[in-house]
């Protein structure tokens, strides 16, 4: 397990701050199997706090998967209210880079993130 580039223990429960502590600096919205894990490792080496969808399963205490499900329903299926920057803050407030968000159309998500003030 030494070669896994992200933590292997579940993340503790954390309350997001009222406003995001970090602003996104890089949105690397690549499709699955296009080198996103390598990019994740490289960006972490450069000192960024990088999010990769692989971390989602470690973040259960912070409802990461259910929040992503709500985002996907709102953005792609038109279910629920429109997802905005504050909604993404609940998932991404600790990070300044994303390398893989695991969605069918990363372009749509990128537009949503940018238009939401990310």
PDB file of N, CA and C in Angstrom:
ATOM      1  N   UNK A   1       0.812  -1.205   0.000  1.00  0.00           N
ATOM      2  CA  UNK A   1       0.000   0.000   0.000  1.00  0.00           C
ATOM      3  C   UNK A   1       0.851   1.263   0.000  1.00  0.00           C
ATOM      4  N   UNK A   2       2.160   1.132   0.011  1.00  0.00           N
ATOM      5  CA  UNK A   2       3.025   2.309   0.037  1.00  0.00           C
ATOM      6  C   UNK A   2       2.957   3.127  -1.239  1.00  0.00           C
ATOM      7  N   UNK A   3       2.523   2.539  -2.334  1.00  0.00           N
ATOM      8  CA  UNK A   3       2.513   3.261  -3.594  1.00  0.00           C
ATOM      9  C   UNK A   3       1.217   4.016  -3.856  1.00  0.00           C
ATOM     10  N   UNK A   4       0.266   3.992  -2.941  1.00  0.00           N
ATOM     11  CA  UNK A   4      -0.979   4.734  -3.110  1.00  0.00           C
ATOM     12  C   UNK A   4      -0.705   6.202  -2.783  1.00  0.00           C
ATOM     13  N   UNK A   5      -0.989   7.112  -3.729  1.00  0.00           N
ATOM     14  CA  UNK A   5      -0.602   8.513  -3.545  1.00  0.00           C
ATOM     15  C   UNK A   5      -1.543   9.358  -2.696  1.00  0.00           C
ATOM     16  N   UNK A   6      -2.592   8.774  -2.131  1.00  0.00           N
ATOM     17  CA  UNK A   6      -3.491   9.539  -1.277  1.00  0.00           C
ATOM     18  C   UNK A   6      -3.722   8.750   0.002  1.00  0.00           C
ATOM     19  N   UNK A   7      -4.250   9.398   1.055  1.00  0.00           N
ATOM     20  CA  UNK A   7      -4.438   8.708   2.333  1.00  0.00           C
ATOM     21  C   UNK A   7      -5.340   7.483   2.180  1.00  0.00           C
ATOM     22  N   UNK A   8      -5.162   6.508   3.043  1.00  0.00           N
ATOM     23  CA  UNK A   8      -5.983   5.298   2.984  1.00  0.00           C
ATOM     24  C   UNK A   8      -6.910   5.155   4.184  1.00  0.00           C
ATOM     25  N   UNK A   9      -6.883   6.085   5.101  1.00  0.00           N
ATOM     26  CA  UNK A   9      -7.806   6.058   6.236  1.00  0.00           C
ATOM     27  C   UNK A   9      -8.892   7.101   5.996  1.00  0.00           C
ATOM     28  N   UNK A  10     -10.120   6.823   6.442  1.00  0.00           N
ATOM     29  CA  UNK A  10     -11.196   7.785   6.229  1.00  0.00           C
ATOM     30  C   UNK A  10     -10.883   9.150   6.848  1.00  0.00           C
ATOM     31  N   UNK A  11     -11.339  10.179   6.180  1.00  0.00           N
ATOM     32  CA  UNK A  11     -11.138  11.539   6.674  1.00  0.00           C
ATOM     33  C   UNK A  11     -12.053  11.791   7.868  1.00  0.00           C
ATOM     34  N   UNK A  12     -11.626  12.613   8.819  1.00  0.00           N
ATOM     35  CA  UNK A  12     -12.490  12.948   9.951  1.00  0.00           C
ATOM     36  C   UNK A  12     -13.589  13.918   9.521  1.00  0.00           C
ATOM     37  N   UNK A  13     -14.622  14.013  10.335  1.00  0.00           N
ATOM     38  CA  UNK A  13     -15.691  14.987  10.077  1.00  0.00           C
ATOM     39  C   UNK A  13     -15.109  16.383  10.213  1.00  0.00           C
ATOM     40  N   UNK A  14     -15.365  17.244   9.223  1.00  0.00           N
ATOM     41  CA  UNK A  14     -14.885  18.626   9.249  1.00  0.00           C
ATOM     42  C   UNK A  14     -16.010  19.544   8.811  1.00  0.00           C
ATOM     43  N   UNK A  15     -16.173  20.635   9.501  1.00  0.00           N
ATOM     44  CA  UNK A  15     -17.160  21.633   9.113  1.00  0.00           C
ATOM     45  C   UNK A  15     -16.520  22.623   8.158  1.00  0.00           C
ATOM     46  N   UNK A  16     -17.117  22.808   6.971  1.00  0.00           N
ATOM     47  CA  UNK A  16     -16.548  23.812   6.073  1.00  0.00           C
ATOM     48  C   UNK A  16     -16.734  25.206   6.657  1.00  0.00           C
ATOM     49  N   UNK A  17     -15.792  26.111   6.394  1.00  0.00           N
ATOM     50  CA  UNK A  17     -15.938  27.485   6.872  1.00  0.00           C
ATOM     51  C   UNK A  17     -17.061  28.186   6.117  1.00  0.00           C
ATOM     52  N   UNK A  18     -17.480  29.344   6.620  1.00  0.00           N
ATOM     53  CA  UNK A  18     -18.540  30.106   5.960  1.00  0.00           C
ATOM     54  C   UNK A  18     -18.163  30.447   4.522  1.00  0.00           C
ATOM     55  N   UNK A  19     -16.903  30.729   4.293  1.00  0.00           N
ATOM     56  CA  UNK A  19     -16.403  31.022   2.952  1.00  0.00           C
ATOM     57  C   UNK A  19     -15.201  30.129   2.690  1.00  0.00           C
ATOM     58  N   UNK A  20     -15.053  29.733   1.445  1.00  0.00           N
ATOM     59  CA  UNK A  20     -13.943  28.857   1.077  1.00  0.00           C
ATOM     60  C   UNK A  20     -12.613  29.477   1.474  1.00  0.00           C
ATOM     61  N   UNK A  21     -11.772  28.667   2.118  1.00  0.00           N
ATOM     62  CA  UNK A  21     -10.455  29.146   2.524  1.00  0.00           C
ATOM     63  C   UNK A  21      -9.512  29.240   1.339  1.00  0.00           C
ATOM     64  N   UNK A  22      -9.775  28.461   0.320  1.00  0.00           N
ATOM     65  CA  UNK A  22      -8.888  28.410  -0.842  1.00  0.00           C
ATOM     66  C   UNK A  22      -9.694  28.682  -2.097  1.00  0.00           C
ATOM     67  N   UNK A  23      -9.072  29.308  -3.050  1.00  0.00           N
ATOM     68  CA  UNK A  23      -9.672  29.495  -4.361  1.00  0.00           C
ATOM     69  C   UNK A  23      -9.044  28.494  -5.310  1.00  0.00           C
ATOM     70  N   UNK A  24      -9.848  27.966  -6.215  1.00  0.00           N
ATOM     71  CA  UNK A  24      -9.320  27.041  -7.210  1.00  0.00           C
ATOM     72  C   UNK A  24      -8.306  27.755  -8.086  1.00  0.00           C
ATOM     73  N   UNK A  25      -7.166  27.144  -8.238  1.00  0.00           N
ATOM     74  CA  UNK A  25      -6.113  27.675  -9.102  1.00  0.00           C
ATOM     75  C   UNK A  25      -6.025  26.893 -10.403  1.00  0.00           C
ATOM     76  N   UNK A  26      -6.333  25.589 -10.340  1.00  0.00           N
ATOM     77  CA  UNK A  26      -6.239  24.727 -11.517  1.00  0.00           C
ATOM     78  C   UNK A  26      -7.460  23.811 -11.552  1.00  0.00           C
ATOM     79  N   UNK A  27      -8.152  23.770 -12.693  1.00  0.00           N
ATOM     80  CA  UNK A  27      -9.219  22.808 -12.923  1.00  0.00           C
ATOM     81  C   UNK A  27      -8.753  21.881 -14.036  1.00  0.00           C
ATOM     82  N   UNK A  28      -8.243  20.744 -13.689  1.00  0.00           N
ATOM     83  CA  UNK A  28      -7.804  19.757 -14.681  1.00  0.00           C
ATOM     84  C   UNK A  28      -8.938  18.757 -14.831  1.00  0.00           C
ATOM     85  N   UNK A  29      -9.837  19.022 -15.743  1.00  0.00           N
ATOM     86  CA  UNK A  29     -11.080  18.266 -15.854  1.00  0.00           C
ATOM     87  C   UNK A  29     -10.970  17.145 -16.876  1.00  0.00           C
ATOM     88  N   UNK A  30     -10.001  16.283 -16.683  1.00  0.00           N
ATOM     89  CA  UNK A  30      -9.787  15.174 -17.605  1.00  0.00           C
ATOM     90  C   UNK A  30     -10.749  14.030 -17.375  1.00  0.00           C
ATOM     91  N   UNK A  31     -10.925  13.259 -18.415  1.00  0.00           N
ATOM     92  CA  UNK A  31     -11.755  12.060 -18.337  1.00  0.00           C
ATOM     93  C   UNK A  31     -10.974  10.952 -17.614  1.00  0.00           C
ATOM     94  N   UNK A  32     -11.714   9.961 -17.163  1.00  0.00           N
ATOM     95  CA  UNK A  32     -11.097   8.821 -16.495  1.00  0.00           C
ATOM     96  C   UNK A  32     -10.081   8.138 -17.405  1.00  0.00           C
ATOM     97  N   UNK A  33      -9.007   7.634 -16.797  1.00  0.00           N
ATOM     98  CA  UNK A  33      -7.948   6.893 -17.492  1.00  0.00           C
ATOM     99  C   UNK A  33      -7.157   7.760 -18.470  1.00  0.00           C
ATOM    100  N   UNK A  34      -7.034   9.053 -18.163  1.00  0.00           N
ATOM    101  CA  UNK A  34      -6.250   9.940 -19.032  1.00  0.00           C
ATOM    102  C   UNK A  34      -5.074  10.552 -18.285  1.00  0.00           C
ATOM    103  N   UNK A  35      -4.599   9.883 -17.249  1.00  0.00           N
ATOM    104  CA  UNK A  35      -3.441  10.369 -16.510  1.00  0.00           C
ATOM    105  C   UNK A  35      -3.773  11.295 -15.364  1.00  0.00           C
ATOM    106  N   UNK A  36      -5.022  11.287 -14.902  1.00  0.00           N
ATOM    107  CA  UNK A  36      -5.411  12.207 -13.834  1.00  0.00           C
ATOM    108  C   UNK A  36      -4.724  11.890 -12.510  1.00  0.00           C
ATOM    109  N   UNK A  37      -4.479  10.605 -12.218  1.00  0.00           N
ATOM    110  CA  UNK A  37      -3.789  10.263 -10.971  1.00  0.00           C
ATOM    111  C   UNK A  37      -2.336  10.721 -11.036  1.00  0.00           C
ATOM    112  N   UNK A  38      -1.698  10.573 -12.187  1.00  0.00           N
ATOM    113  CA  UNK A  38      -0.323  11.064 -12.348  1.00  0.00           C
ATOM    114  C   UNK A  38      -0.281  12.574 -12.182  1.00  0.00           C
ATOM    115  N   UNK A  39      -1.266  13.263 -12.752  1.00  0.00           N
ATOM    116  CA  UNK A  39      -1.336  14.716 -12.603  1.00  0.00           C
ATOM    117  C   UNK A  39      -1.564  15.089 -11.139  1.00  0.00           C
ATOM    118  N   UNK A  40      -2.426  14.347 -10.455  1.00  0.00           N
ATOM    119  CA  UNK A  40      -2.692  14.550  -9.027  1.00  0.00           C
ATOM    120  C   UNK A  40      -1.390  14.468  -8.226  1.00  0.00           C
ATOM    121  N   UNK A  41      -0.618  13.414  -8.474  1.00  0.00           N
ATOM    122  CA  UNK A  41       0.649  13.213  -7.765  1.00  0.00           C
ATOM    123  C   UNK A  41       1.615  14.356  -8.075  1.00  0.00           C
ATOM    124  N   UNK A  42       1.711  14.746  -9.337  1.00  0.00           N
ATOM    125  CA  UNK A  42       2.627  15.819  -9.732  1.00  0.00           C
ATOM    126  C   UNK A  42       2.234  17.149  -9.093  1.00  0.00           C
ATOM    127  N   UNK A  43       0.952  17.468  -9.091  1.00  0.00           N
ATOM    128  CA  UNK A  43       0.499  18.730  -8.501  1.00  0.00           C
ATOM    129  C   UNK A  43       0.729  18.748  -6.993  1.00  0.00           C
ATOM    130  N   UNK A  44       0.541  17.612  -6.329  1.00  0.00           N
ATOM    131  CA  UNK A  44       0.844  17.540  -4.892  1.00  0.00           C
ATOM    132  C   UNK A  44       2.336  17.753  -4.648  1.00  0.00           C
ATOM    133  N   UNK A  45       3.174  17.192  -5.523  1.00  0.00           N
ATOM    134  CA  UNK A  45       4.627  17.392  -5.409  1.00  0.00           C
ATOM    135  C   UNK A  45       4.989  18.868  -5.539  1.00  0.00           C
ATOM    136  N   UNK A  46       4.205  19.603  -6.336  1.00  0.00           N
ATOM    137  CA  UNK A  46       4.451  21.036  -6.526  1.00  0.00           C
ATOM    138  C   UNK A  46       3.878  21.881  -5.391  1.00  0.00           C
ATOM    139  N   UNK A  47       3.222  21.234  -4.429  1.00  0.00           N
ATOM    140  CA  UNK A  47       2.735  21.947  -3.255  1.00  0.00           C
ATOM    141  C   UNK A  47       1.264  22.319  -3.278  1.00  0.00           C
ATOM    142  N   UNK A  48       0.530  21.897  -4.294  1.00  0.00           N
ATOM    143  CA  UNK A  48      -0.900  22.182  -4.334  1.00  0.00           C
ATOM    144  C   UNK A  48      -1.655  21.213  -3.433  1.00  0.00           C
ATOM    145  N   UNK A  49      -2.820  21.634  -2.978  1.00  0.00           N
ATOM    146  CA  UNK A  49      -3.735  20.764  -2.258  1.00  0.00           C
ATOM    147  C   UNK A  49      -4.735  20.280  -3.295  1.00  0.00           C
ATOM    148  N   UNK A  50      -4.529  19.080  -3.778  1.00  0.00           N
ATOM    149  CA  UNK A  50      -5.228  18.577  -4.962  1.00  0.00           C
ATOM    150  C   UNK A  50      -6.344  17.602  -4.592  1.00  0.00           C
ATOM    151  N   UNK A  51      -7.477  17.714  -5.282  1.00  0.00           N
ATOM    152  CA  UNK A  51      -8.604  16.799  -5.101  1.00  0.00           C
ATOM    153  C   UNK A  51      -8.681  15.860  -6.295  1.00  0.00           C
ATOM    154  N   UNK A  52      -8.839  14.593  -6.029  1.00  0.00           N
ATOM    155  CA  UNK A  52      -9.067  13.567  -7.045  1.00  0.00           C
ATOM    156  C   UNK A  52     -10.276  12.773  -6.575  1.00  0.00           C
ATOM    157  N   UNK A  53     -11.119  12.385  -7.477  1.00  0.00           N
ATOM    158  CA  UNK A  53     -12.346  11.677  -7.111  1.00  0.00           C
ATOM    159  C   UNK A  53     -12.070  10.413  -6.294  1.00  0.00           C
ATOM    160  N   UNK A  54     -10.868   9.867  -6.388  1.00  0.00           N
ATOM    161  CA  UNK A  54     -10.513   8.687  -5.593  1.00  0.00           C
ATOM    162  C   UNK A  54     -10.636   8.971  -4.097  1.00  0.00           C
ATOM    163  N   UNK A  55     -10.523  10.234  -3.702  1.00  0.00           N
ATOM    164  CA  UNK A  55     -10.638  10.596  -2.289  1.00  0.00           C
ATOM    165  C   UNK A  55     -12.076  10.557  -1.795  1.00  0.00           C
ATOM    166  N   UNK A  56     -13.014  10.566  -2.713  1.00  0.00           N
ATOM    167  CA  UNK A  56     -14.428  10.632  -2.368  1.00  0.00           C
ATOM    168  C   UNK A  56     -14.831   9.533  -1.386  1.00  0.00           C
ATOM    169  N   UNK A  57     -14.343   8.331  -1.590  1.00  0.00           N
ATOM    170  CA  UNK A  57     -14.695   7.216  -0.702  1.00  0.00           C
ATOM    171  C   UNK A  57     -14.093   7.351   0.684  1.00  0.00           C
ATOM    172  N   UNK A  58     -13.063   8.154   0.823  1.00  0.00           N
ATOM    173  CA  UNK A  58     -12.449   8.376   2.135  1.00  0.00           C
ATOM    174  C   UNK A  58     -13.150   9.493   2.901  1.00  0.00           C
ATOM    175  N   UNK A  59     -14.031  10.206   2.228  1.00  0.00           N
ATOM    176  CA  UNK A  59     -14.631  11.404   2.801  1.00  0.00           C
ATOM    177  C   UNK A  59     -16.100  11.194   3.160  1.00  0.00           C
ATOM    178  N   UNK A  60     -16.466   9.997   3.574  1.00  0.00           N
ATOM    179  CA  UNK A  60     -17.858   9.680   3.876  1.00  0.00           C
ATOM    180  C   UNK A  60     -18.422  10.482   5.048  1.00  0.00           C
ATOM    181  N   UNK A  61     -17.597  10.789   6.035  1.00  0.00           N
ATOM    182  CA  UNK A  61     -18.092  11.531   7.190  1.00  0.00           C
ATOM    183  C   UNK A  61     -18.470  12.963   6.824  1.00  0.00           C
ATOM    184  N   UNK A  62     -18.013  13.419   5.662  1.00  0.00           N
ATOM    185  CA  UNK A  62     -18.351  14.763   5.189  1.00  0.00           C
ATOM    186  C   UNK A  62     -19.352  14.714   4.032  1.00  0.00           C
ATOM    187  N   UNK A  63     -20.011  13.569   3.876  1.00  0.00           N
ATOM    188  CA  UNK A  63     -21.074  13.392   2.879  1.00  0.00           C
ATOM    189  C   UNK A  63     -20.630  13.661   1.449  1.00  0.00           C
ATOM    190  N   UNK A  64     -19.389  13.394   1.146  1.00  0.00           N
ATOM    191  CA  UNK A  64     -18.850  13.707  -0.167  1.00  0.00           C
ATOM    192  C   UNK A  64     -19.637  13.059  -1.307  1.00  0.00           C
ATOM    193  N   UNK A  65     -19.912  11.758  -1.221  1.00  0.00           N
ATOM    194  CA  UNK A  65     -20.620  11.077  -2.309  1.00  0.00           C
ATOM    195  C   UNK A  65     -22.037  11.603  -2.497  1.00  0.00           C
ATOM    196  N   UNK A  66     -22.758  11.845  -1.413  1.00  0.00           N
ATOM    197  CA  UNK A  66     -24.127  12.349  -1.559  1.00  0.00           C
ATOM    198  C   UNK A  66     -24.128  13.764  -2.130  1.00  0.00           C
ATOM    199  N   UNK A  67     -23.138  14.572  -1.775  1.00  0.00           N
ATOM    200  CA  UNK A  67     -23.042  15.914  -2.357  1.00  0.00           C
ATOM    201  C   UNK A  67     -22.739  15.844  -3.851  1.00  0.00           C
ATOM    202  N   UNK A  68     -21.853  14.933  -4.250  1.00  0.00           N
ATOM    203  CA  UNK A  68     -21.571  14.767  -5.683  1.00  0.00           C
ATOM    204  C   UNK A  68     -22.799  14.258  -6.421  1.00  0.00           C
ATOM    205  N   UNK A  69     -23.567  13.366  -5.810  1.00  0.00           N
ATOM    206  CA  UNK A  69     -24.803  12.898  -6.444  1.00  0.00           C
ATOM    207  C   UNK A  69     -25.778  14.045  -6.658  1.00  0.00           C
ATOM    208  N   UNK A  70     -25.913  14.927  -5.663  1.00  0.00           N
ATOM    209  CA  UNK A  70     -26.774  16.108  -5.817  1.00  0.00           C
ATOM    210  C   UNK A  70     -26.272  17.000  -6.938  1.00  0.00           C
ATOM    211  N   UNK A  71     -24.947  17.188  -7.014  1.00  0.00           N
ATOM    212  CA  UNK A  71     -24.376  18.031  -8.072  1.00  0.00           C
ATOM    213  C   UNK A  71     -24.675  17.445  -9.446  1.00  0.00           C
ATOM    214  N   UNK A  72     -24.478  16.152  -9.603  1.00  0.00           N
ATOM    215  CA  UNK A  72     -24.727  15.497 -10.890  1.00  0.00           C
ATOM    216  C   UNK A  72     -26.201  15.601 -11.265  1.00  0.00           C
ATOM    217  N   UNK A  73     -27.099  15.355 -10.298  1.00  0.00           N
ATOM    218  CA  UNK A  73     -28.531  15.486 -10.579  1.00  0.00           C
ATOM    219  C   UNK A  73     -28.890  16.906 -11.006  1.00  0.00           C
ATOM    220  N   UNK A  74     -28.361  17.902 -10.319  1.00  0.00           N
ATOM    221  CA  UNK A  74     -28.686  19.291 -10.639  1.00  0.00           C
ATOM    222  C   UNK A  74     -28.099  19.720 -11.984  1.00  0.00           C
ATOM    223  N   UNK A  75     -26.841  19.396 -12.231  1.00  0.00           N
ATOM    224  CA  UNK A  75     -26.155  19.869 -13.434  1.00  0.00           C
ATOM    225  C   UNK A  75     -26.606  19.117 -14.678  1.00  0.00           C
ATOM    226  N   UNK A  76     -26.675  17.809 -14.602  1.00  0.00           N
ATOM    227  CA  UNK A  76     -26.906  17.005 -15.799  1.00  0.00           C
ATOM    228  C   UNK A  76     -28.342  16.527 -15.975  1.00  0.00           C
ATOM    229  N   UNK A  77     -29.100  16.422 -14.869  1.00  0.00           N
ATOM    230  CA  UNK A  77     -30.457  15.891 -14.958  1.00  0.00           C
ATOM    231  C   UNK A  77     -31.527  16.934 -14.669  1.00  0.00           C
ATOM    232  N   UNK A  78     -31.124  18.145 -14.270  1.00  0.00           N
ATOM    233  CA  UNK A  78     -32.090  19.202 -13.982  1.00  0.00           C
ATOM    234  C   UNK A  78     -32.936  18.921 -12.757  1.00  0.00           C
ATOM    235  N   UNK A  79     -32.442  18.091 -11.850  1.00  0.00           N
ATOM    236  CA  UNK A  79     -33.182  17.729 -10.640  1.00  0.00           C
ATOM    237  C   UNK A  79     -32.665  18.568  -9.480  1.00  0.00           C
ATOM    238  N   UNK A  80     -33.588  19.186  -8.742  1.00  0.00           N
ATOM    239  CA  UNK A  80     -33.183  20.009  -7.605  1.00  0.00           C
ATOM    240  C   UNK A  80     -32.773  21.405  -8.042  1.00  0.00           C
ATOM    241  N   UNK A  81     -32.348  22.182  -7.084  1.00  0.00           N
ATOM    242  CA  UNK A  81     -31.966  23.561  -7.390  1.00  0.00           C
ATOM    243  C   UNK A  81     -30.602  23.601  -8.066  1.00  0.00           C
ATOM    244  N   UNK A  82     -30.355  24.706  -8.756  1.00  0.00           N
ATOM    245  CA  UNK A  82     -29.093  24.864  -9.476  1.00  0.00           C
ATOM    246  C   UNK A  82     -27.920  24.835  -8.497  1.00  0.00           C
ATOM    247  N   UNK A  83     -26.893  24.132  -8.853  1.00  0.00           N
ATOM    248  CA  UNK A  83     -25.698  24.052  -8.023  1.00  0.00           C
ATOM    249  C   UNK A  83     -24.884  25.316  -8.207  1.00  0.00           C
ATOM    250  N   UNK A  84     -24.414  25.900  -7.117  1.00  0.00           N
ATOM    251  CA  UNK A  84     -23.668  27.159  -7.173  1.00  0.00           C
ATOM    252  C   UNK A  84     -22.337  27.007  -6.442  1.00  0.00           C
ATOM    253  N   UNK A  85     -21.561  28.080  -6.438  1.00  0.00           N
ATOM    254  CA  UNK A  85     -20.244  28.063  -5.805  1.00  0.00           C
ATOM    255  C   UNK A  85     -20.278  27.617  -4.356  1.00  0.00           C
ATOM    256  N   UNK A  86     -21.280  28.064  -3.607  1.00  0.00           N
ATOM    257  CA  UNK A  86     -21.379  27.689  -2.190  1.00  0.00           C
ATOM    258  C   UNK A  86     -21.583  26.183  -2.032  1.00  0.00           C
ATOM    259  N   UNK A  87     -22.287  25.577  -2.980  1.00  0.00           N
ATOM    260  CA  UNK A  87     -22.490  24.125  -2.928  1.00  0.00           C
ATOM    261  C   UNK A  87     -21.179  23.391  -3.166  1.00  0.00           C
ATOM    262  N   UNK A  88     -20.390  23.875  -4.130  1.00  0.00           N
ATOM    263  CA  UNK A  88     -19.093  23.257  -4.383  1.00  0.00           C
ATOM    264  C   UNK A  88     -18.144  23.473  -3.203  1.00  0.00           C
ATOM    265  N   UNK A  89     -18.310  24.591  -2.497  1.00  0.00           N
ATOM    266  CA  UNK A  89     -17.484  24.835  -1.305  1.00  0.00           C
ATOM    267  C   UNK A  89     -17.631  23.710  -0.287  1.00  0.00           C
ATOM    268  N   UNK A  90     -18.829  23.140  -0.163  1.00  0.00           N
ATOM    269  CA  UNK A  90     -19.044  22.056   0.798  1.00  0.00           C
ATOM    270  C   UNK A  90     -18.181  20.842   0.481  1.00  0.00           C
ATOM    271  N   UNK A  91     -17.824  20.679  -0.798  1.00  0.00           N
ATOM    272  CA  UNK A  91     -17.031  19.518  -1.207  1.00  0.00           C
ATOM    273  C   UNK A  91     -15.561  19.854  -1.396  1.00  0.00           C
ATOM    274  N   UNK A  92     -15.273  21.057  -1.860  1.00  0.00           N
ATOM    275  CA  UNK A  92     -13.922  21.372  -2.331  1.00  0.00           C
ATOM    276  C   UNK A  92     -13.222  22.465  -1.530  1.00  0.00           C
ATOM    277  N   UNK A  93     -13.736  22.837  -0.369  1.00  0.00           N
ATOM    278  CA  UNK A  93     -13.201  23.983   0.367  1.00  0.00           C
ATOM    279  C   UNK A  93     -11.761  23.795   0.817  1.00  0.00           C
ATOM    280  N   UNK A  94     -11.296  22.565   0.939  1.00  0.00           N
ATOM    281  CA  UNK A  94      -9.920  22.322   1.400  1.00  0.00           C
ATOM    282  C   UNK A  94      -8.902  22.314   0.272  1.00  0.00           C
ATOM    283  N   UNK A  95      -9.344  22.437  -0.971  1.00  0.00           N
ATOM    284  CA  UNK A  95      -8.473  22.195  -2.125  1.00  0.00           C
ATOM    285  C   UNK A  95      -8.309  23.437  -2.993  1.00  0.00           C
ATOM    286  N   UNK A  96      -7.169  23.512  -3.701  1.00  0.00           N
ATOM    287  CA  UNK A  96      -6.978  24.587  -4.673  1.00  0.00           C
ATOM    288  C   UNK A  96      -6.773  24.054  -6.088  1.00  0.00           C
ATOM    289  N   UNK A  97      -6.842  22.730  -6.258  1.00  0.00           N
ATOM    290  CA  UNK A  97      -6.690  22.090  -7.565  1.00  0.00           C
ATOM    291  C   UNK A  97      -7.585  20.856  -7.615  1.00  0.00           C
ATOM    292  N   UNK A  98      -8.200  20.598  -8.769  1.00  0.00           N
ATOM    293  CA  UNK A  98      -8.857  19.316  -8.995  1.00  0.00           C
ATOM    294  C   UNK A  98      -8.163  18.636 -10.163  1.00  0.00           C
ATOM    295  N   UNK A  99      -8.010  17.312 -10.072  1.00  0.00           N
ATOM    296  CA  UNK A  99      -7.398  16.607 -11.193  1.00  0.00           C
ATOM    297  C   UNK A  99      -8.351  15.597 -11.825  1.00  0.00           C
ATOM    298  N   UNK A 100      -9.402  15.212 -11.137  1.00  0.00           N
ATOM    299  CA  UNK A 100     -10.376  14.297 -11.736  1.00  0.00           C
ATOM    300  C   UNK A 100     -11.647  14.343 -10.910  1.00  0.00           C
ATOM    301  N   UNK A 101     -12.761  14.679 -11.559  1.00  0.00           N
ATOM    302  CA  UNK A 101     -14.028  14.741 -10.852  1.00  0.00           C
ATOM    303  C   UNK A 101     -14.993  13.647 -11.267  1.00  0.00           C
ATOM    304  N   UNK A 102     -14.593  12.787 -12.184  1.00  0.00           N
ATOM    305  CA  UNK A 102     -15.342  11.575 -12.481  1.00  0.00           C
ATOM    306  C   UNK A 102     -16.707  11.762 -13.099  1.00  0.00           C
ATOM    307  N   UNK A 103     -16.864  12.755 -13.924  1.00  0.00           N
ATOM    308  CA  UNK A 103     -18.161  12.996 -14.535  1.00  0.00           C
ATOM    309  C   UNK A 103     -18.112  12.707 -16.027  1.00  0.00           C
ATOM    310  N   UNK A 104     -19.262  12.470 -16.599  1.00  0.00           N
ATOM    311  CA  UNK A 104     -19.329  12.129 -18.016  1.00  0.00           C
ATOM    312  C   UNK A 104     -18.839  13.270 -18.892  1.00  0.00           C
ATOM    313  N   UNK A 105     -19.220  14.482 -18.570  1.00  0.00           N
ATOM    314  CA  UNK A 105     -18.837  15.625 -19.392  1.00  0.00           C
ATOM    315  C   UNK A 105     -18.145  16.666 -18.525  1.00  0.00           C
ATOM    316  N   UNK A 106     -16.837  16.588 -18.389  1.00  0.00           N
ATOM    317  CA  UNK A 106     -16.141  17.530 -17.513  1.00  0.00           C
ATOM    318  C   UNK A 106     -16.257  18.971 -17.983  1.00  0.00           C
ATOM    319  N   UNK A 107     -16.490  19.189 -19.268  1.00  0.00           N
ATOM    320  CA  UNK A 107     -16.631  20.557 -19.774  1.00  0.00           C
ATOM    321  C   UNK A 107     -17.820  21.247 -19.117  1.00  0.00           C
ATOM    322  N   UNK A 108     -18.981  20.562 -19.037  1.00  0.00           N
ATOM    323  CA  UNK A 108     -20.157  21.137 -18.387  1.00  0.00           C
ATOM    324  C   UNK A 108     -19.876  21.466 -16.931  1.00  0.00           C
ATOM    325  N   UNK A 109     -19.198  20.580 -16.235  1.00  0.00           N
ATOM    326  CA  UNK A 109     -18.870  20.836 -14.837  1.00  0.00           C
ATOM    327  C   UNK A 109     -17.925  22.023 -14.722  1.00  0.00           C
ATOM    328  N   UNK A 110     -16.949  22.110 -15.610  1.00  0.00           N
ATOM    329  CA  UNK A 110     -16.019  23.242 -15.597  1.00  0.00           C
ATOM    330  C   UNK A 110     -16.748  24.554 -15.773  1.00  0.00           C
ATOM    331  N   UNK A 111     -17.697  24.607 -16.701  1.00  0.00           N
ATOM    332  CA  UNK A 111     -18.484  25.823 -16.893  1.00  0.00           C
ATOM    333  C   UNK A 111     -19.292  26.153 -15.650  1.00  0.00           C
ATOM    334  N   UNK A 112     -19.843  25.131 -15.006  1.00  0.00           N
ATOM    335  CA  UNK A 112     -20.613  25.344 -13.781  1.00  0.00           C
ATOM    336  C   UNK A 112     -19.716  25.871 -12.666  1.00  0.00           C
ATOM    337  N   UNK A 113     -18.536  25.296 -12.512  1.00  0.00           N
ATOM    338  CA  UNK A 113     -17.602  25.764 -11.484  1.00  0.00           C
ATOM    339  C   UNK A 113     -17.199  27.213 -11.731  1.00  0.00           C
ATOM    340  N   UNK A 114     -16.848  27.532 -12.978  1.00  0.00           N
ATOM    341  CA  UNK A 114     -16.402  28.891 -13.299  1.00  0.00           C
ATOM    342  C   UNK A 114     -17.541  29.878 -13.132  1.00  0.00           C
ATOM    343  N   UNK A 115     -18.733  29.551 -13.621  1.00  0.00           N
ATOM    344  CA  UNK A 115     -19.861  30.475 -13.494  1.00  0.00           C
ATOM    345  C   UNK A 115     -20.316  30.606 -12.049  1.00  0.00           C
ATOM    346  N   UNK A 116     -20.002  29.609 -11.215  1.00  0.00           N
ATOM    347  CA  UNK A 116     -20.354  29.665  -9.797  1.00  0.00           C
ATOM    348  C   UNK A 116     -19.340  30.430  -8.966  1.00  0.00           C
ATOM    349  N   UNK A 117     -18.339  31.005  -9.601  1.00  0.00           N
ATOM    350  CA  UNK A 117     -17.364  31.816  -8.893  1.00  0.00           C
ATOM    351  C   UNK A 117     -16.141  31.061  -8.452  1.00  0.00           C
ATOM    352  N   UNK A 118     -15.969  29.846  -8.935  1.00  0.00           N
ATOM    353  CA  UNK A 118     -14.829  29.053  -8.523  1.00  0.00           C
ATOM    354  C   UNK A 118     -13.619  29.434  -9.261  1.00  0.00           C
TER     355      UNK A 118
END
